[in-house]
N, C-alpha and C. Protein backbone atom coordinates (compact mmCIF):
# COMPACT_ATOMS: atom_id res chain seq x y z
N UNK A 1 -9.28 -8.92 -20.75
CA UNK A 1 -8.40 -8.52 -19.65
C UNK A 1 -7.12 -7.92 -20.20
N UNK A 2 -6.76 -6.74 -19.70
CA UNK A 2 -5.57 -6.05 -20.20
C UNK A 2 -4.30 -6.71 -19.64
N UNK A 3 -3.31 -6.90 -20.52
CA UNK A 3 -2.05 -7.50 -20.09
C UNK A 3 -1.09 -6.42 -19.62
N UNK A 4 -0.53 -6.63 -18.44
CA UNK A 4 0.44 -5.67 -17.91
C UNK A 4 1.87 -6.11 -18.17
N UNK A 5 2.10 -7.42 -18.12
CA UNK A 5 3.46 -7.93 -18.24
C UNK A 5 3.80 -8.43 -19.63
N UNK A 6 2.77 -8.68 -20.44
CA UNK A 6 3.00 -9.30 -21.73
C UNK A 6 2.98 -10.81 -21.66
N UNK A 7 2.88 -11.36 -20.45
CA UNK A 7 2.78 -12.81 -20.24
C UNK A 7 1.39 -13.08 -19.67
N UNK A 8 0.50 -13.51 -20.55
CA UNK A 8 -0.91 -13.59 -20.21
C UNK A 8 -1.23 -14.38 -18.96
N UNK A 9 -0.63 -15.55 -18.80
CA UNK A 9 -0.98 -16.40 -17.67
C UNK A 9 -0.53 -15.76 -16.35
N UNK A 10 0.59 -15.06 -16.37
CA UNK A 10 1.05 -14.38 -15.16
C UNK A 10 0.08 -13.26 -14.78
N UNK A 11 -0.37 -12.51 -15.78
CA UNK A 11 -1.33 -11.44 -15.52
C UNK A 11 -2.62 -11.99 -14.92
N UNK A 12 -3.07 -13.13 -15.43
CA UNK A 12 -4.31 -13.74 -14.94
C UNK A 12 -4.15 -14.24 -13.51
N UNK A 13 -3.02 -14.87 -13.22
CA UNK A 13 -2.76 -15.35 -11.86
C UNK A 13 -2.69 -14.18 -10.89
N UNK A 14 -1.99 -13.12 -11.29
CA UNK A 14 -1.88 -11.95 -10.43
C UNK A 14 -3.25 -11.33 -10.18
N UNK A 15 -4.10 -11.31 -11.21
CA UNK A 15 -5.45 -10.77 -11.06
C UNK A 15 -6.27 -11.58 -10.07
N UNK A 16 -6.14 -12.90 -10.12
CA UNK A 16 -6.88 -13.77 -9.20
C UNK A 16 -6.43 -13.53 -7.76
N UNK A 17 -5.12 -13.48 -7.54
CA UNK A 17 -4.62 -13.26 -6.19
C UNK A 17 -5.05 -11.89 -5.66
N UNK A 18 -5.00 -10.88 -6.50
CA UNK A 18 -5.42 -9.53 -6.08
C UNK A 18 -6.91 -9.50 -5.76
N UNK A 19 -7.70 -10.21 -6.57
CA UNK A 19 -9.15 -10.23 -6.33
C UNK A 19 -9.50 -10.92 -5.02
N UNK A 20 -8.67 -11.86 -4.58
CA UNK A 20 -8.93 -12.59 -3.34
C UNK A 20 -8.40 -11.86 -2.11
N UNK A 21 -7.61 -10.81 -2.31
CA UNK A 21 -7.02 -10.10 -1.17
C UNK A 21 -8.06 -9.57 -0.19
N UNK A 22 -9.19 -9.01 -0.65
CA UNK A 22 -10.19 -8.50 0.31
C UNK A 22 -10.92 -9.60 1.08
N UNK A 23 -10.95 -10.82 0.54
CA UNK A 23 -11.64 -11.89 1.24
C UNK A 23 -12.08 -13.00 0.30
N UNK A 24 -12.65 -14.09 0.84
CA UNK A 24 -13.04 -15.26 0.04
C UNK A 24 -14.10 -14.93 -1.01
N UNK A 25 -14.05 -15.66 -2.13
CA UNK A 25 -15.03 -15.46 -3.21
C UNK A 25 -15.46 -16.81 -3.77
N UNK A 26 -16.75 -16.94 -4.04
CA UNK A 26 -17.24 -18.08 -4.80
C UNK A 26 -16.74 -17.94 -6.24
N UNK A 27 -16.72 -19.04 -6.95
CA UNK A 27 -16.18 -19.05 -8.31
C UNK A 27 -16.84 -17.99 -9.19
N UNK A 28 -18.16 -17.87 -9.12
CA UNK A 28 -18.85 -16.89 -9.96
C UNK A 28 -18.41 -15.47 -9.65
N UNK A 29 -18.23 -15.18 -8.37
CA UNK A 29 -17.80 -13.83 -7.97
C UNK A 29 -16.35 -13.59 -8.38
N UNK A 30 -15.53 -14.62 -8.25
CA UNK A 30 -14.13 -14.49 -8.66
C UNK A 30 -14.03 -14.27 -10.17
N UNK A 31 -14.83 -15.00 -10.90
CA UNK A 31 -14.85 -14.84 -12.36
C UNK A 31 -15.23 -13.42 -12.74
N UNK A 32 -16.25 -12.90 -12.08
CA UNK A 32 -16.68 -11.53 -12.38
C UNK A 32 -15.61 -10.51 -12.02
N UNK A 33 -14.89 -10.78 -10.93
CA UNK A 33 -13.87 -9.83 -10.47
C UNK A 33 -12.69 -9.75 -11.43
N UNK A 34 -12.32 -10.89 -12.02
CA UNK A 34 -11.13 -10.92 -12.89
C UNK A 34 -11.49 -10.83 -14.37
N UNK A 35 -12.79 -10.93 -14.67
CA UNK A 35 -13.25 -10.80 -16.05
C UNK A 35 -12.60 -11.82 -16.98
N UNK A 36 -12.63 -13.08 -16.54
CA UNK A 36 -12.11 -14.19 -17.34
C UNK A 36 -13.21 -15.22 -17.52
N UNK A 37 -13.10 -16.09 -18.53
CA UNK A 37 -14.09 -17.15 -18.68
C UNK A 37 -14.14 -18.04 -17.44
N UNK A 38 -15.31 -18.59 -17.18
CA UNK A 38 -15.49 -19.41 -15.99
C UNK A 38 -14.50 -20.57 -15.96
N UNK A 39 -14.32 -21.25 -17.09
CA UNK A 39 -13.43 -22.41 -17.14
C UNK A 39 -11.99 -22.00 -16.85
N UNK A 40 -11.57 -20.86 -17.38
CA UNK A 40 -10.20 -20.39 -17.15
C UNK A 40 -10.00 -20.02 -15.69
N UNK A 41 -10.97 -19.33 -15.11
CA UNK A 41 -10.89 -18.94 -13.71
C UNK A 41 -10.79 -20.17 -12.81
N UNK A 42 -11.62 -21.17 -13.10
CA UNK A 42 -11.61 -22.39 -12.29
C UNK A 42 -10.29 -23.13 -12.46
N UNK A 43 -9.81 -23.24 -13.69
CA UNK A 43 -8.55 -23.97 -13.95
C UNK A 43 -7.38 -23.32 -13.23
N UNK A 44 -7.29 -22.01 -13.30
CA UNK A 44 -6.19 -21.31 -12.63
C UNK A 44 -6.33 -21.37 -11.11
N UNK A 45 -7.56 -21.26 -10.63
CA UNK A 45 -7.79 -21.35 -9.19
C UNK A 45 -7.36 -22.70 -8.64
N UNK A 46 -7.70 -23.77 -9.35
CA UNK A 46 -7.33 -25.12 -8.92
C UNK A 46 -5.82 -25.31 -8.99
N UNK A 47 -5.20 -24.78 -10.04
CA UNK A 47 -3.74 -24.87 -10.16
C UNK A 47 -3.04 -24.14 -9.02
N UNK A 48 -3.54 -22.95 -8.67
CA UNK A 48 -2.96 -22.21 -7.56
C UNK A 48 -3.19 -22.94 -6.23
N UNK A 49 -4.32 -23.63 -6.14
CA UNK A 49 -4.60 -24.41 -4.94
C UNK A 49 -3.59 -25.54 -4.78
N UNK A 50 -3.18 -26.14 -5.89
CA UNK A 50 -2.20 -27.22 -5.84
C UNK A 50 -0.86 -26.74 -5.31
N UNK A 51 -0.57 -25.45 -5.52
CA UNK A 51 0.68 -24.87 -5.02
C UNK A 51 0.48 -24.18 -3.67
N UNK A 52 -0.72 -24.32 -3.08
CA UNK A 52 -1.07 -23.75 -1.78
C UNK A 52 -1.02 -22.21 -1.77
N UNK A 53 -1.11 -21.63 -2.96
CA UNK A 53 -1.22 -20.18 -3.05
C UNK A 53 -2.67 -19.74 -2.93
N UNK A 54 -3.57 -20.67 -3.15
CA UNK A 54 -5.01 -20.48 -2.98
C UNK A 54 -5.54 -21.70 -2.24
N UNK A 55 -6.58 -21.50 -1.44
CA UNK A 55 -7.23 -22.62 -0.75
C UNK A 55 -8.74 -22.43 -0.82
N UNK A 56 -9.49 -23.40 -0.33
CA UNK A 56 -10.95 -23.28 -0.24
C UNK A 56 -11.36 -23.27 1.22
N UNK A 57 -12.35 -22.45 1.53
CA UNK A 57 -12.85 -22.46 2.91
C UNK A 57 -13.97 -23.47 3.05
N UNK A 58 -14.62 -23.48 4.22
CA UNK A 58 -15.66 -24.49 4.50
C UNK A 58 -16.86 -24.36 3.59
N UNK A 59 -17.03 -23.18 2.95
CA UNK A 59 -18.14 -22.97 2.02
C UNK A 59 -17.73 -23.20 0.57
N UNK A 60 -16.49 -23.65 0.35
CA UNK A 60 -16.03 -23.90 -1.00
C UNK A 60 -15.55 -22.66 -1.73
N UNK A 61 -15.45 -21.55 -1.02
CA UNK A 61 -14.99 -20.31 -1.64
C UNK A 61 -13.47 -20.32 -1.78
N UNK A 62 -12.99 -19.65 -2.81
CA UNK A 62 -11.55 -19.50 -2.99
C UNK A 62 -11.03 -18.43 -2.03
N UNK A 63 -9.87 -18.71 -1.42
CA UNK A 63 -9.21 -17.78 -0.49
C UNK A 63 -7.72 -17.78 -0.79
N UNK A 64 -7.04 -16.77 -0.29
CA UNK A 64 -5.59 -16.76 -0.39
C UNK A 64 -5.03 -17.92 0.43
N UNK A 65 -3.99 -18.58 -0.11
CA UNK A 65 -3.43 -19.76 0.52
C UNK A 65 -2.37 -19.43 1.56
N UNK A 66 -2.12 -20.40 2.43
CA UNK A 66 -1.17 -20.20 3.53
C UNK A 66 0.27 -20.10 3.05
N UNK A 67 0.58 -20.62 1.89
CA UNK A 67 1.95 -20.51 1.36
C UNK A 67 2.34 -19.04 1.19
N UNK A 68 1.35 -18.19 0.96
CA UNK A 68 1.64 -16.77 0.78
C UNK A 68 2.17 -16.13 2.06
N UNK A 69 1.85 -16.70 3.21
CA UNK A 69 2.35 -16.16 4.48
C UNK A 69 3.87 -16.27 4.51
N UNK A 70 4.37 -17.45 4.16
CA UNK A 70 5.82 -17.65 4.14
C UNK A 70 6.50 -16.77 3.11
N UNK A 71 5.87 -16.64 1.94
CA UNK A 71 6.44 -15.79 0.91
C UNK A 71 6.44 -14.33 1.34
N UNK A 72 5.37 -13.91 2.02
CA UNK A 72 5.31 -12.55 2.50
C UNK A 72 6.38 -12.27 3.54
N UNK A 73 6.61 -13.23 4.43
CA UNK A 73 7.66 -13.05 5.44
C UNK A 73 9.03 -12.96 4.78
N UNK A 74 9.25 -13.80 3.79
CA UNK A 74 10.53 -13.77 3.08
C UNK A 74 10.72 -12.43 2.38
N UNK A 75 9.65 -11.91 1.78
CA UNK A 75 9.73 -10.61 1.11
C UNK A 75 10.03 -9.50 2.12
N UNK A 76 9.38 -9.58 3.29
CA UNK A 76 9.61 -8.57 4.33
C UNK A 76 11.04 -8.62 4.84
N UNK A 77 11.56 -9.84 5.01
CA UNK A 77 12.94 -9.98 5.49
C UNK A 77 13.94 -9.41 4.49
N UNK A 78 13.61 -9.53 3.20
CA UNK A 78 14.50 -9.02 2.16
C UNK A 78 14.33 -7.51 1.98
N UNK A 79 13.28 -6.94 2.57
CA UNK A 79 13.00 -5.51 2.45
C UNK A 79 12.74 -4.98 3.86
N UNK A 80 13.79 -4.65 4.62
CA UNK A 80 13.64 -4.33 6.04
C UNK A 80 13.09 -2.94 6.32
N UNK A 81 12.85 -2.14 5.28
CA UNK A 81 12.43 -0.75 5.49
C UNK A 81 11.18 -0.66 6.34
N UNK A 82 10.19 -1.49 6.05
CA UNK A 82 8.93 -1.42 6.79
C UNK A 82 9.14 -1.69 8.27
N UNK A 83 9.94 -2.69 8.61
CA UNK A 83 10.19 -3.03 10.01
C UNK A 83 10.97 -1.91 10.70
N UNK A 84 11.93 -1.33 10.00
CA UNK A 84 12.72 -0.25 10.59
C UNK A 84 11.88 1.00 10.82
N UNK A 85 10.96 1.26 9.89
CA UNK A 85 10.17 2.49 9.95
C UNK A 85 9.02 2.42 10.94
N UNK A 86 8.49 1.23 11.19
CA UNK A 86 7.25 1.11 11.97
C UNK A 86 7.30 1.82 13.33
N UNK A 87 8.33 1.63 14.15
CA UNK A 87 8.33 2.33 15.46
C UNK A 87 8.35 3.85 15.32
N UNK A 88 9.03 4.35 14.31
CA UNK A 88 9.10 5.79 14.07
C UNK A 88 7.73 6.33 13.67
N UNK A 89 7.03 5.56 12.82
CA UNK A 89 5.71 5.99 12.36
C UNK A 89 4.67 5.92 13.48
N UNK A 90 4.83 4.96 14.38
CA UNK A 90 3.92 4.89 15.52
C UNK A 90 4.11 6.12 16.40
N UNK A 91 5.35 6.54 16.62
CA UNK A 91 5.61 7.76 17.40
C UNK A 91 5.02 8.99 16.70
N UNK A 92 5.11 9.02 15.37
CA UNK A 92 4.52 10.13 14.62
C UNK A 92 3.01 10.15 14.79
N UNK A 93 2.39 8.98 14.71
CA UNK A 93 0.94 8.89 14.95
C UNK A 93 0.59 9.37 16.35
N UNK A 94 1.39 8.98 17.34
CA UNK A 94 1.10 9.38 18.72
C UNK A 94 1.22 10.89 18.90
N UNK A 95 2.17 11.51 18.18
CA UNK A 95 2.35 12.97 18.30
C UNK A 95 1.22 13.72 17.63
N UNK A 96 0.75 13.21 16.49
CA UNK A 96 -0.23 13.94 15.70
C UNK A 96 -1.66 13.47 15.90
N UNK A 97 -1.82 12.21 16.29
CA UNK A 97 -3.14 11.61 16.42
C UNK A 97 -3.74 11.16 15.11
N UNK A 98 -3.02 11.39 14.01
CA UNK A 98 -3.57 11.08 12.69
C UNK A 98 -2.95 9.80 12.10
N UNK A 99 -3.61 9.27 11.09
CA UNK A 99 -3.14 8.06 10.41
C UNK A 99 -1.83 8.35 9.68
N UNK A 100 -0.92 7.39 9.75
CA UNK A 100 0.41 7.54 9.14
C UNK A 100 0.66 6.32 8.25
N UNK A 101 1.23 6.58 7.08
CA UNK A 101 1.55 5.49 6.16
C UNK A 101 2.97 5.65 5.64
N UNK A 102 3.53 4.54 5.18
CA UNK A 102 4.80 4.54 4.47
C UNK A 102 4.55 3.90 3.11
N UNK A 103 4.91 4.61 2.04
CA UNK A 103 4.71 4.14 0.68
C UNK A 103 6.06 3.95 -0.02
N UNK A 104 6.10 2.97 -0.91
CA UNK A 104 7.24 2.81 -1.81
C UNK A 104 6.70 2.79 -3.23
N UNK A 105 7.54 3.15 -4.16
CA UNK A 105 7.12 3.18 -5.55
C UNK A 105 7.15 1.78 -6.15
N UNK A 106 6.15 1.49 -6.95
CA UNK A 106 6.08 0.23 -7.69
C UNK A 106 5.65 0.56 -9.11
N UNK A 107 6.61 0.75 -10.00
CA UNK A 107 6.29 1.12 -11.37
C UNK A 107 5.61 2.47 -11.42
N UNK A 108 4.41 2.50 -11.98
CA UNK A 108 3.63 3.73 -12.06
C UNK A 108 2.63 3.83 -10.92
N UNK A 109 2.85 3.08 -9.85
CA UNK A 109 1.96 3.10 -8.69
C UNK A 109 2.78 3.24 -7.42
N UNK A 110 2.09 3.29 -6.29
CA UNK A 110 2.76 3.32 -4.99
C UNK A 110 2.09 2.28 -4.09
N UNK A 111 2.91 1.60 -3.31
CA UNK A 111 2.42 0.53 -2.46
C UNK A 111 2.55 0.95 -0.99
N UNK A 112 1.48 0.75 -0.23
CA UNK A 112 1.51 1.03 1.20
C UNK A 112 2.16 -0.16 1.92
N UNK A 113 3.29 0.08 2.59
CA UNK A 113 4.00 -1.01 3.27
C UNK A 113 3.88 -0.93 4.79
N UNK A 114 3.49 0.23 5.31
CA UNK A 114 3.19 0.38 6.74
C UNK A 114 1.97 1.29 6.85
N UNK A 115 1.04 0.93 7.72
CA UNK A 115 -0.15 1.76 7.94
C UNK A 115 -0.47 1.76 9.43
N UNK A 116 -0.45 2.94 10.04
CA UNK A 116 -0.75 3.09 11.47
C UNK A 116 -2.03 3.91 11.59
N UNK A 117 -3.02 3.35 12.24
CA UNK A 117 -4.33 4.00 12.29
C UNK A 117 -4.36 5.19 13.24
N UNK A 118 -5.23 6.13 12.92
CA UNK A 118 -5.45 7.31 13.74
C UNK A 118 -6.05 6.92 15.09
N UNK A 119 -5.83 7.77 16.07
CA UNK A 119 -6.45 7.55 17.38
C UNK A 119 -7.87 8.09 17.44
N UNK A 120 -8.30 8.81 16.39
CA UNK A 120 -9.64 9.40 16.35
C UNK A 120 -10.68 8.37 15.89
N UNK A 121 -11.92 8.57 16.29
CA UNK A 121 -12.99 7.69 15.83
C UNK A 121 -13.23 7.82 14.34
N UNK A 122 -13.22 9.06 13.86
CA UNK A 122 -13.36 9.31 12.43
C UNK A 122 -11.96 9.25 11.83
N UNK A 123 -11.71 8.23 11.01
CA UNK A 123 -10.35 8.01 10.52
C UNK A 123 -10.35 7.60 9.07
N UNK A 124 -9.20 7.80 8.44
CA UNK A 124 -8.99 7.41 7.05
C UNK A 124 -8.01 6.24 7.07
N UNK A 125 -8.45 5.06 6.60
CA UNK A 125 -7.64 3.84 6.70
C UNK A 125 -7.13 3.44 5.32
N UNK A 126 -5.83 3.28 5.21
CA UNK A 126 -5.21 2.71 4.02
C UNK A 126 -4.62 1.36 4.42
N UNK A 127 -5.12 0.26 3.89
CA UNK A 127 -4.61 -1.05 4.31
C UNK A 127 -3.20 -1.30 3.81
N UNK A 128 -2.42 -2.03 4.59
CA UNK A 128 -1.09 -2.45 4.14
C UNK A 128 -1.26 -3.29 2.87
N UNK A 129 -0.43 -3.01 1.89
CA UNK A 129 -0.50 -3.72 0.61
C UNK A 129 -1.30 -2.99 -0.44
N UNK A 130 -2.03 -1.95 -0.04
CA UNK A 130 -2.84 -1.21 -1.02
C UNK A 130 -1.94 -0.61 -2.10
N UNK A 131 -2.37 -0.75 -3.35
CA UNK A 131 -1.65 -0.21 -4.50
C UNK A 131 -2.45 0.97 -5.03
N UNK A 132 -1.85 2.15 -4.99
CA UNK A 132 -2.56 3.39 -5.32
C UNK A 132 -1.84 4.11 -6.47
N UNK A 133 -2.56 5.00 -7.15
CA UNK A 133 -1.96 5.71 -8.29
C UNK A 133 -0.80 6.60 -7.86
N UNK A 134 0.21 6.69 -8.70
CA UNK A 134 1.34 7.56 -8.43
C UNK A 134 1.00 9.02 -8.71
N UNK A 135 0.05 9.24 -9.61
CA UNK A 135 -0.25 10.60 -10.05
C UNK A 135 -1.20 11.34 -9.12
N UNK A 136 -1.81 10.63 -8.17
CA UNK A 136 -2.78 11.25 -7.28
C UNK A 136 -2.34 11.09 -5.83
N UNK A 137 -2.44 12.16 -5.07
CA UNK A 137 -2.09 12.11 -3.66
C UNK A 137 -0.68 12.59 -3.40
N UNK A 138 -0.47 13.12 -2.19
CA UNK A 138 0.82 13.73 -1.86
C UNK A 138 1.97 12.73 -1.90
N UNK A 139 1.74 11.50 -1.44
CA UNK A 139 2.83 10.51 -1.46
C UNK A 139 3.24 10.18 -2.89
N UNK A 140 2.26 10.12 -3.79
CA UNK A 140 2.58 9.87 -5.19
C UNK A 140 3.44 10.96 -5.79
N UNK A 141 3.14 12.21 -5.43
CA UNK A 141 3.93 13.33 -5.95
C UNK A 141 5.38 13.22 -5.48
N UNK A 142 5.57 12.85 -4.21
CA UNK A 142 6.92 12.74 -3.65
C UNK A 142 7.70 11.61 -4.31
N UNK A 143 7.03 10.51 -4.62
CA UNK A 143 7.70 9.34 -5.18
C UNK A 143 7.91 9.44 -6.69
N UNK A 144 7.25 10.37 -7.35
CA UNK A 144 7.38 10.53 -8.80
C UNK A 144 8.78 11.01 -9.15
N UNK A 145 9.21 10.72 -10.37
CA UNK A 145 10.52 11.16 -10.83
C UNK A 145 10.63 12.67 -10.71
N UNK A 146 11.69 13.13 -10.04
CA UNK A 146 11.88 14.56 -9.87
C UNK A 146 10.88 15.22 -8.95
N UNK A 147 10.20 14.42 -8.13
CA UNK A 147 9.18 14.96 -7.23
C UNK A 147 9.76 15.79 -6.11
N UNK A 148 8.93 16.58 -5.42
CA UNK A 148 9.40 17.43 -4.33
C UNK A 148 9.73 16.59 -3.09
N UNK A 149 10.48 17.18 -2.17
CA UNK A 149 10.79 16.50 -0.91
C UNK A 149 9.57 16.46 0.01
N UNK A 150 8.66 17.38 -0.19
CA UNK A 150 7.42 17.38 0.59
C UNK A 150 6.27 17.84 -0.30
N UNK A 151 5.10 17.25 -0.10
CA UNK A 151 3.94 17.61 -0.90
C UNK A 151 2.68 17.45 -0.06
N UNK A 152 1.67 18.21 -0.39
CA UNK A 152 0.38 18.06 0.27
C UNK A 152 -0.71 17.95 -0.79
N UNK A 153 -1.81 17.34 -0.41
CA UNK A 153 -2.96 17.26 -1.31
C UNK A 153 -4.23 17.36 -0.49
N UNK A 154 -5.24 17.96 -1.08
CA UNK A 154 -6.52 18.14 -0.41
C UNK A 154 -7.62 17.67 -1.37
N UNK A 155 -8.30 16.60 -0.99
CA UNK A 155 -9.41 16.04 -1.78
C UNK A 155 -8.96 15.73 -3.21
N UNK A 156 -7.73 15.33 -3.38
CA UNK A 156 -7.22 15.04 -4.71
C UNK A 156 -7.59 13.63 -5.17
N UNK A 157 -7.48 12.68 -4.25
CA UNK A 157 -7.80 11.29 -4.60
C UNK A 157 -9.15 10.87 -4.06
N UNK A 158 -9.51 11.38 -2.88
CA UNK A 158 -10.79 11.04 -2.27
C UNK A 158 -11.43 12.30 -1.68
N UNK A 159 -12.73 12.51 -1.89
CA UNK A 159 -13.40 13.67 -1.30
C UNK A 159 -13.29 13.66 0.22
N UNK A 160 -13.02 14.82 0.79
CA UNK A 160 -12.98 14.95 2.24
C UNK A 160 -11.69 14.51 2.89
N UNK A 161 -10.70 14.10 2.10
CA UNK A 161 -9.44 13.59 2.66
C UNK A 161 -8.29 14.49 2.27
N UNK A 162 -7.44 14.80 3.23
CA UNK A 162 -6.22 15.57 2.98
C UNK A 162 -5.02 14.76 3.41
N UNK A 163 -3.86 15.08 2.84
CA UNK A 163 -2.64 14.37 3.24
C UNK A 163 -1.43 15.26 3.00
N UNK A 164 -0.36 14.93 3.70
CA UNK A 164 0.92 15.58 3.48
C UNK A 164 1.99 14.50 3.59
N UNK A 165 2.96 14.53 2.70
CA UNK A 165 3.98 13.48 2.63
C UNK A 165 5.36 14.08 2.51
N UNK A 166 6.34 13.34 3.01
CA UNK A 166 7.74 13.76 2.92
C UNK A 166 8.58 12.59 2.43
N UNK A 167 9.62 12.91 1.68
CA UNK A 167 10.48 11.89 1.09
C UNK A 167 11.45 11.31 2.12
N UNK A 168 11.69 10.02 1.98
CA UNK A 168 12.77 9.34 2.70
C UNK A 168 13.87 9.07 1.69
N UNK A 169 15.03 9.62 1.94
CA UNK A 169 16.14 9.48 1.00
C UNK A 169 17.25 8.60 1.59
N UNK A 170 17.85 7.78 0.72
CA UNK A 170 18.98 6.98 1.17
C UNK A 170 20.24 7.83 1.16
N UNK A 171 21.37 7.21 1.45
CA UNK A 171 22.61 7.98 1.60
C UNK A 171 23.12 8.56 0.28
N UNK A 172 22.59 8.05 -0.84
CA UNK A 172 22.97 8.61 -2.13
C UNK A 172 22.06 9.76 -2.54
N UNK A 173 21.02 10.01 -1.74
CA UNK A 173 20.07 11.07 -2.05
C UNK A 173 18.86 10.62 -2.83
N UNK A 174 18.78 9.34 -3.17
CA UNK A 174 17.63 8.81 -3.92
C UNK A 174 16.42 8.64 -3.00
N UNK A 175 15.24 8.92 -3.53
CA UNK A 175 14.01 8.74 -2.77
C UNK A 175 13.65 7.26 -2.75
N UNK A 176 13.57 6.68 -1.57
CA UNK A 176 13.26 5.26 -1.45
C UNK A 176 11.86 5.03 -0.89
N UNK A 177 11.27 6.05 -0.29
CA UNK A 177 9.94 5.90 0.31
C UNK A 177 9.36 7.27 0.60
N UNK A 178 8.08 7.27 0.96
CA UNK A 178 7.40 8.51 1.37
C UNK A 178 6.62 8.24 2.65
N UNK A 179 6.84 9.08 3.64
CA UNK A 179 6.05 9.03 4.87
C UNK A 179 4.87 9.98 4.69
N UNK A 180 3.68 9.52 5.04
CA UNK A 180 2.47 10.30 4.79
C UNK A 180 1.59 10.35 6.03
N UNK A 181 1.00 11.52 6.26
CA UNK A 181 -0.06 11.69 7.26
C UNK A 181 -1.34 12.00 6.49
N UNK A 182 -2.41 11.29 6.80
CA UNK A 182 -3.66 11.51 6.07
C UNK A 182 -4.84 11.45 7.02
N UNK A 183 -5.92 12.13 6.62
CA UNK A 183 -7.11 12.13 7.45
C UNK A 183 -8.14 13.11 6.92
N UNK A 184 -9.22 13.29 7.64
CA UNK A 184 -10.29 14.19 7.19
C UNK A 184 -9.79 15.64 7.08
N UNK A 185 -10.28 16.33 6.07
CA UNK A 185 -9.91 17.73 5.87
C UNK A 185 -10.27 18.56 7.11
N UNK A 186 -11.34 18.19 7.79
CA UNK A 186 -11.77 18.96 8.95
C UNK A 186 -10.68 19.04 10.02
N UNK A 187 -9.86 18.00 10.13
CA UNK A 187 -8.80 18.01 11.13
C UNK A 187 -7.45 18.42 10.54
N UNK A 188 -7.14 17.93 9.35
CA UNK A 188 -5.84 18.26 8.76
C UNK A 188 -5.83 19.66 8.17
N UNK A 189 -7.00 20.23 7.95
CA UNK A 189 -7.21 21.54 7.33
C UNK A 189 -6.85 21.47 5.84
N UNK A 190 -7.02 22.57 5.17
CA UNK A 190 -6.68 22.62 3.75
C UNK A 190 -5.21 23.00 3.53
N UNK A 191 -4.47 23.07 4.62
CA UNK A 191 -3.03 23.31 4.55
C UNK A 191 -2.32 22.34 5.50
N UNK A 192 -2.41 21.04 5.23
CA UNK A 192 -1.85 20.05 6.16
C UNK A 192 -0.35 20.17 6.35
N UNK A 193 0.37 20.69 5.34
CA UNK A 193 1.82 20.85 5.47
C UNK A 193 2.14 21.87 6.55
N UNK A 194 1.32 22.89 6.66
CA UNK A 194 1.55 23.91 7.69
C UNK A 194 1.33 23.32 9.08
N UNK A 195 0.37 22.42 9.19
CA UNK A 195 0.03 21.86 10.50
C UNK A 195 1.00 20.76 10.91
N UNK A 196 1.38 19.89 9.99
CA UNK A 196 2.16 18.70 10.35
C UNK A 196 3.51 18.59 9.65
N UNK A 197 3.87 19.58 8.85
CA UNK A 197 5.09 19.48 8.05
C UNK A 197 6.35 19.23 8.86
N UNK A 198 6.51 19.94 9.98
CA UNK A 198 7.73 19.80 10.78
C UNK A 198 7.83 18.40 11.39
N UNK A 199 6.75 17.91 11.98
CA UNK A 199 6.74 16.55 12.54
C UNK A 199 7.01 15.51 11.47
N UNK A 200 6.43 15.71 10.30
CA UNK A 200 6.57 14.76 9.21
C UNK A 200 8.02 14.70 8.72
N UNK A 201 8.63 15.85 8.52
CA UNK A 201 10.02 15.88 8.05
C UNK A 201 10.97 15.24 9.06
N UNK A 202 10.69 15.46 10.33
CA UNK A 202 11.52 14.85 11.37
C UNK A 202 11.42 13.33 11.31
N UNK A 203 10.21 12.82 11.14
CA UNK A 203 10.02 11.37 11.07
C UNK A 203 10.69 10.79 9.82
N UNK A 204 10.55 11.47 8.69
CA UNK A 204 11.19 10.98 7.46
C UNK A 204 12.71 10.95 7.62
N UNK A 205 13.26 11.95 8.29
CA UNK A 205 14.70 11.98 8.54
C UNK A 205 15.12 10.83 9.45
N UNK A 206 14.31 10.52 10.46
CA UNK A 206 14.61 9.41 11.36
C UNK A 206 14.58 8.07 10.62
N UNK A 207 13.62 7.91 9.72
CA UNK A 207 13.57 6.68 8.92
C UNK A 207 14.81 6.57 8.04
N UNK A 208 15.19 7.68 7.43
CA UNK A 208 16.38 7.67 6.58
C UNK A 208 17.62 7.30 7.37
N UNK A 209 17.73 7.82 8.58
CA UNK A 209 18.89 7.51 9.44
C UNK A 209 18.93 6.04 9.81
N UNK A 210 17.75 5.42 9.92
CA UNK A 210 17.68 4.01 10.32
C UNK A 210 17.99 3.05 9.19
N UNK A 211 18.07 3.56 7.95
CA UNK A 211 18.34 2.68 6.83
C UNK A 211 19.71 2.03 6.95
N UNK A 212 19.84 0.77 6.50
CA UNK A 212 21.15 0.12 6.55
C UNK A 212 22.18 0.87 5.73
N UNK A 213 23.42 0.85 6.18
CA UNK A 213 24.48 1.53 5.47
C UNK A 213 24.90 0.70 4.26
């Protein structure tokens, strides 16, 4: 297992929690997901269970623990951007009919902190909390160092998907987030900035205005 932090046990714990994010796993499946020895996976899982960061369901599978709910709320309270942006992004979704996301940079990746689903039956869904590459996709381009204020991508990260993103800047001019519209190429076209650029920039400006002084 590759170490990201240089602190092995932290990397292993983080891997276990990330592996459980999609849903419950039996020990064997969890072990396979994190690529750790069975004994190590079990020992860490039990230790996390003692801290209520992991629990077991009725089938004995490991699941994310309820203590994470409180930690997540505390993190959200300390980072009000998602709450401030959500009503603006819902209005953007209503105007365009397409899926809207808000991303923030996390190291060499980008994290989805708000996701509003499209009104169409055929839709592109990015779950809240998803960690995606910074180098791929329009939002990643906007959040990269020296990135543009607006960017579009067509089938760059996923076949058949297009997106356009605009930067949210704080009062110092620093990029703090990216608002993104994404969906099937058939609807967004191969020039999504031409179709949705004006609406997107307006929404990004509204989010920036809502930021605390």
